[in-house]
């Protein structure tokens, strides 16, 4: 769910940009507005969970660099 907060607007803009000719003006508006509306609802839920309830969210996406003494990974860390 937290990854959708980041990637859903990106998906909406890419789909409207690449397929806007096929969707038409109204179709592109509907796709982007729907993606942003869903993102708004999910962000309110994330705010309630992290900001009000004080829960910590840690999402480990993938390892970027992993050598002997160095470990760097792509993470999302939401804390109050």
N, C-alpha and C. Protein backbone atom coordinates (compact mmCIF):
# COMPACT_ATOMS: atom_id res chain seq x y z
N UNK A 1 0.81 -1.18 0.00
CA UNK A 1 0.00 0.00 0.00
C UNK A 1 0.87 1.27 0.00
N UNK A 2 1.95 1.25 0.78
CA UNK A 2 2.80 2.44 0.85
C UNK A 2 3.55 2.67 -0.45
N UNK A 3 3.86 1.62 -1.15
CA UNK A 3 4.52 1.79 -2.44
C UNK A 3 3.56 2.37 -3.48
N UNK A 4 2.27 2.10 -3.33
CA UNK A 4 1.30 2.70 -4.23
C UNK A 4 1.25 4.22 -4.06
N UNK A 5 1.54 4.72 -2.87
CA UNK A 5 1.58 6.17 -2.66
C UNK A 5 2.62 6.83 -3.54
N UNK A 6 3.69 6.13 -3.81
CA UNK A 6 4.76 6.69 -4.63
C UNK A 6 4.52 6.41 -6.12
N UNK A 7 4.11 5.19 -6.43
CA UNK A 7 4.08 4.78 -7.82
C UNK A 7 2.74 4.99 -8.52
N UNK A 8 1.64 5.16 -7.81
CA UNK A 8 0.35 5.33 -8.47
C UNK A 8 0.26 6.64 -9.28
N UNK A 9 0.71 7.79 -8.76
CA UNK A 9 0.73 8.98 -9.62
C UNK A 9 1.67 8.83 -10.81
N UNK A 10 2.78 8.13 -10.62
CA UNK A 10 3.70 7.87 -11.73
C UNK A 10 3.05 7.00 -12.79
N UNK A 11 2.34 5.98 -12.37
CA UNK A 11 1.64 5.10 -13.31
C UNK A 11 0.57 5.88 -14.07
N UNK A 12 -0.16 6.74 -13.37
CA UNK A 12 -1.19 7.55 -14.03
C UNK A 12 -0.63 8.50 -15.06
N UNK A 13 0.49 9.15 -14.71
CA UNK A 13 1.06 10.11 -15.66
C UNK A 13 1.70 9.40 -16.86
N UNK A 14 2.33 8.26 -16.61
CA UNK A 14 2.93 7.53 -17.73
C UNK A 14 1.85 6.98 -18.66
N UNK A 15 0.77 6.45 -18.08
CA UNK A 15 -0.29 5.91 -18.93
C UNK A 15 -0.98 7.01 -19.73
N UNK A 16 -1.18 8.18 -19.12
CA UNK A 16 -1.79 9.28 -19.86
C UNK A 16 -0.82 9.84 -20.90
N UNK A 17 0.47 9.83 -20.58
CA UNK A 17 1.45 10.35 -21.54
C UNK A 17 1.68 9.43 -22.72
N UNK A 18 1.77 8.15 -22.46
CA UNK A 18 2.05 7.20 -23.54
C UNK A 18 0.80 6.78 -24.31
N UNK A 19 -0.31 6.64 -23.59
CA UNK A 19 -1.54 6.14 -24.23
C UNK A 19 -2.61 7.21 -24.33
N UNK A 20 -2.24 8.48 -24.16
CA UNK A 20 -3.21 9.57 -24.21
C UNK A 20 -3.88 9.71 -25.55
N UNK A 21 -3.17 9.40 -26.60
CA UNK A 21 -3.74 9.48 -27.93
C UNK A 21 -4.84 8.43 -28.11
N UNK A 22 -4.64 7.25 -27.52
CA UNK A 22 -5.63 6.18 -27.64
C UNK A 22 -6.79 6.37 -26.65
N UNK A 23 -6.48 6.92 -25.48
CA UNK A 23 -7.51 7.14 -24.48
C UNK A 23 -8.38 8.35 -24.80
N UNK A 24 -7.81 9.31 -25.44
CA UNK A 24 -8.51 10.55 -25.71
C UNK A 24 -8.34 11.51 -24.55
N UNK A 25 -8.89 12.69 -24.72
CA UNK A 25 -8.75 13.72 -23.69
C UNK A 25 -9.49 13.33 -22.41
N UNK A 26 -10.71 12.89 -22.55
CA UNK A 26 -11.51 12.51 -21.37
C UNK A 26 -10.94 11.26 -20.70
N UNK A 27 -10.48 10.31 -21.48
CA UNK A 27 -9.91 9.09 -20.92
C UNK A 27 -8.66 9.36 -20.11
N UNK A 28 -7.79 10.22 -20.63
CA UNK A 28 -6.57 10.57 -19.91
C UNK A 28 -6.90 11.32 -18.62
N UNK A 29 -7.91 12.18 -18.67
CA UNK A 29 -8.34 12.89 -17.46
C UNK A 29 -8.88 11.92 -16.42
N UNK A 30 -9.65 10.95 -16.85
CA UNK A 30 -10.23 9.98 -15.93
C UNK A 30 -9.14 9.12 -15.29
N UNK A 31 -8.17 8.68 -16.08
CA UNK A 31 -7.09 7.83 -15.56
C UNK A 31 -6.26 8.58 -14.53
N UNK A 32 -5.83 9.79 -14.86
CA UNK A 32 -4.97 10.54 -13.94
C UNK A 32 -5.73 10.97 -12.69
N UNK A 33 -6.98 11.39 -12.85
CA UNK A 33 -7.77 11.80 -11.68
C UNK A 33 -8.07 10.62 -10.78
N UNK A 34 -8.34 9.45 -11.35
CA UNK A 34 -8.60 8.26 -10.54
C UNK A 34 -7.35 7.85 -9.77
N UNK A 35 -6.21 7.88 -10.42
CA UNK A 35 -4.96 7.52 -9.74
C UNK A 35 -4.66 8.48 -8.60
N UNK A 36 -4.86 9.76 -8.82
CA UNK A 36 -4.60 10.74 -7.75
C UNK A 36 -5.63 10.65 -6.63
N UNK A 37 -6.86 10.31 -6.94
CA UNK A 37 -7.88 10.15 -5.91
C UNK A 37 -7.58 8.95 -5.02
N UNK A 38 -7.17 7.85 -5.63
CA UNK A 38 -6.80 6.67 -4.85
C UNK A 38 -5.58 6.97 -3.99
N UNK A 39 -4.62 7.72 -4.54
CA UNK A 39 -3.44 8.10 -3.77
C UNK A 39 -3.82 8.97 -2.58
N UNK A 40 -4.78 9.87 -2.76
CA UNK A 40 -5.23 10.71 -1.66
C UNK A 40 -5.85 9.89 -0.54
N UNK A 41 -6.69 8.94 -0.89
CA UNK A 41 -7.31 8.09 0.13
C UNK A 41 -6.27 7.24 0.86
N UNK A 42 -5.33 6.69 0.12
CA UNK A 42 -4.28 5.89 0.74
C UNK A 42 -3.36 6.74 1.63
N UNK A 43 -3.13 7.98 1.23
CA UNK A 43 -2.27 8.84 2.06
C UNK A 43 -2.95 9.23 3.36
N UNK A 44 -4.27 9.39 3.33
CA UNK A 44 -4.99 9.64 4.58
C UNK A 44 -4.90 8.44 5.50
N UNK A 45 -5.02 7.24 4.96
CA UNK A 45 -4.89 6.03 5.77
C UNK A 45 -3.47 5.90 6.33
N UNK A 46 -2.46 6.19 5.51
CA UNK A 46 -1.07 6.12 5.97
C UNK A 46 -0.81 7.16 7.05
N UNK A 47 -1.40 8.35 6.91
CA UNK A 47 -1.24 9.37 7.94
C UNK A 47 -1.86 8.93 9.25
N UNK A 48 -3.02 8.30 9.18
CA UNK A 48 -3.68 7.82 10.40
C UNK A 48 -2.83 6.73 11.07
N UNK A 49 -2.25 5.85 10.27
CA UNK A 49 -1.48 4.74 10.83
C UNK A 49 -0.14 5.21 11.40
N UNK A 50 0.57 6.06 10.66
CA UNK A 50 1.91 6.46 11.08
C UNK A 50 1.86 7.69 11.98
N UNK A 51 1.09 8.70 11.57
CA UNK A 51 1.10 9.97 12.31
C UNK A 51 0.29 9.95 13.59
N UNK A 52 -0.89 9.38 13.56
CA UNK A 52 -1.78 9.40 14.72
C UNK A 52 -1.51 8.21 15.64
N UNK A 53 -1.44 7.01 15.08
CA UNK A 53 -1.25 5.81 15.90
C UNK A 53 0.21 5.59 16.30
N UNK A 54 1.14 6.20 15.59
CA UNK A 54 2.55 6.11 15.95
C UNK A 54 3.23 4.82 15.53
N UNK A 55 2.68 4.13 14.56
CA UNK A 55 3.31 2.90 14.07
C UNK A 55 4.50 3.24 13.17
N UNK A 56 5.49 2.39 13.18
CA UNK A 56 6.66 2.54 12.32
C UNK A 56 6.53 1.58 11.15
N UNK A 57 6.78 2.09 9.95
CA UNK A 57 6.68 1.26 8.74
C UNK A 57 8.05 1.24 8.08
N UNK A 58 8.55 0.04 7.84
CA UNK A 58 9.84 -0.16 7.19
C UNK A 58 9.64 -1.14 6.05
N UNK A 59 9.94 -0.70 4.82
CA UNK A 59 9.78 -1.55 3.64
C UNK A 59 11.14 -1.64 2.96
N UNK A 60 11.68 -2.84 2.91
CA UNK A 60 12.96 -3.08 2.24
C UNK A 60 12.67 -3.47 0.80
N UNK A 61 13.05 -2.61 -0.15
CA UNK A 61 12.75 -2.87 -1.55
C UNK A 61 13.73 -3.87 -2.16
N UNK A 62 14.99 -3.50 -2.24
CA UNK A 62 15.99 -4.40 -2.79
C UNK A 62 17.38 -3.90 -2.40
N UNK A 63 18.34 -4.78 -2.53
CA UNK A 63 19.73 -4.44 -2.21
C UNK A 63 20.35 -3.73 -3.41
N UNK A 64 20.98 -2.61 -3.13
CA UNK A 64 21.61 -1.83 -4.18
C UNK A 64 23.07 -2.24 -4.31
N UNK A 65 23.82 -2.19 -3.22
CA UNK A 65 25.22 -2.59 -3.20
C UNK A 65 25.41 -3.55 -2.03
N UNK A 66 26.06 -4.67 -2.30
CA UNK A 66 26.34 -5.63 -1.23
C UNK A 66 27.74 -6.18 -1.45
N UNK A 67 28.69 -5.61 -0.71
CA UNK A 67 30.05 -6.11 -0.76
C UNK A 67 30.42 -6.58 0.65
N UNK A 68 31.69 -6.79 0.90
CA UNK A 68 32.08 -7.37 2.19
C UNK A 68 31.67 -6.51 3.37
N UNK A 69 32.06 -5.26 3.38
CA UNK A 69 31.79 -4.41 4.54
C UNK A 69 30.71 -3.37 4.27
N UNK A 70 30.21 -3.30 3.05
CA UNK A 70 29.23 -2.29 2.68
C UNK A 70 27.93 -2.96 2.25
N UNK A 71 26.87 -2.57 2.89
CA UNK A 71 25.55 -3.06 2.51
C UNK A 71 24.64 -1.84 2.38
N UNK A 72 24.22 -1.53 1.17
CA UNK A 72 23.32 -0.42 0.92
C UNK A 72 22.08 -0.94 0.21
N UNK A 73 20.92 -0.57 0.70
CA UNK A 73 19.68 -1.05 0.10
C UNK A 73 18.72 0.11 -0.07
N UNK A 74 17.73 -0.10 -0.94
CA UNK A 74 16.68 0.87 -1.18
C UNK A 74 15.55 0.55 -0.21
N UNK A 75 15.21 1.50 0.66
CA UNK A 75 14.21 1.28 1.69
C UNK A 75 13.24 2.46 1.77
N UNK A 76 12.07 2.17 2.28
CA UNK A 76 11.13 3.20 2.71
C UNK A 76 10.99 3.06 4.21
N UNK A 77 11.19 4.15 4.92
CA UNK A 77 11.14 4.13 6.37
C UNK A 77 10.26 5.29 6.82
N UNK A 78 9.08 4.97 7.34
CA UNK A 78 8.13 5.99 7.79
C UNK A 78 8.04 5.91 9.31
N UNK A 79 8.39 7.00 9.96
CA UNK A 79 8.37 7.04 11.42
C UNK A 79 7.91 8.42 11.85
N UNK A 80 7.31 8.47 13.01
CA UNK A 80 6.87 9.74 13.55
C UNK A 80 7.91 10.29 14.47
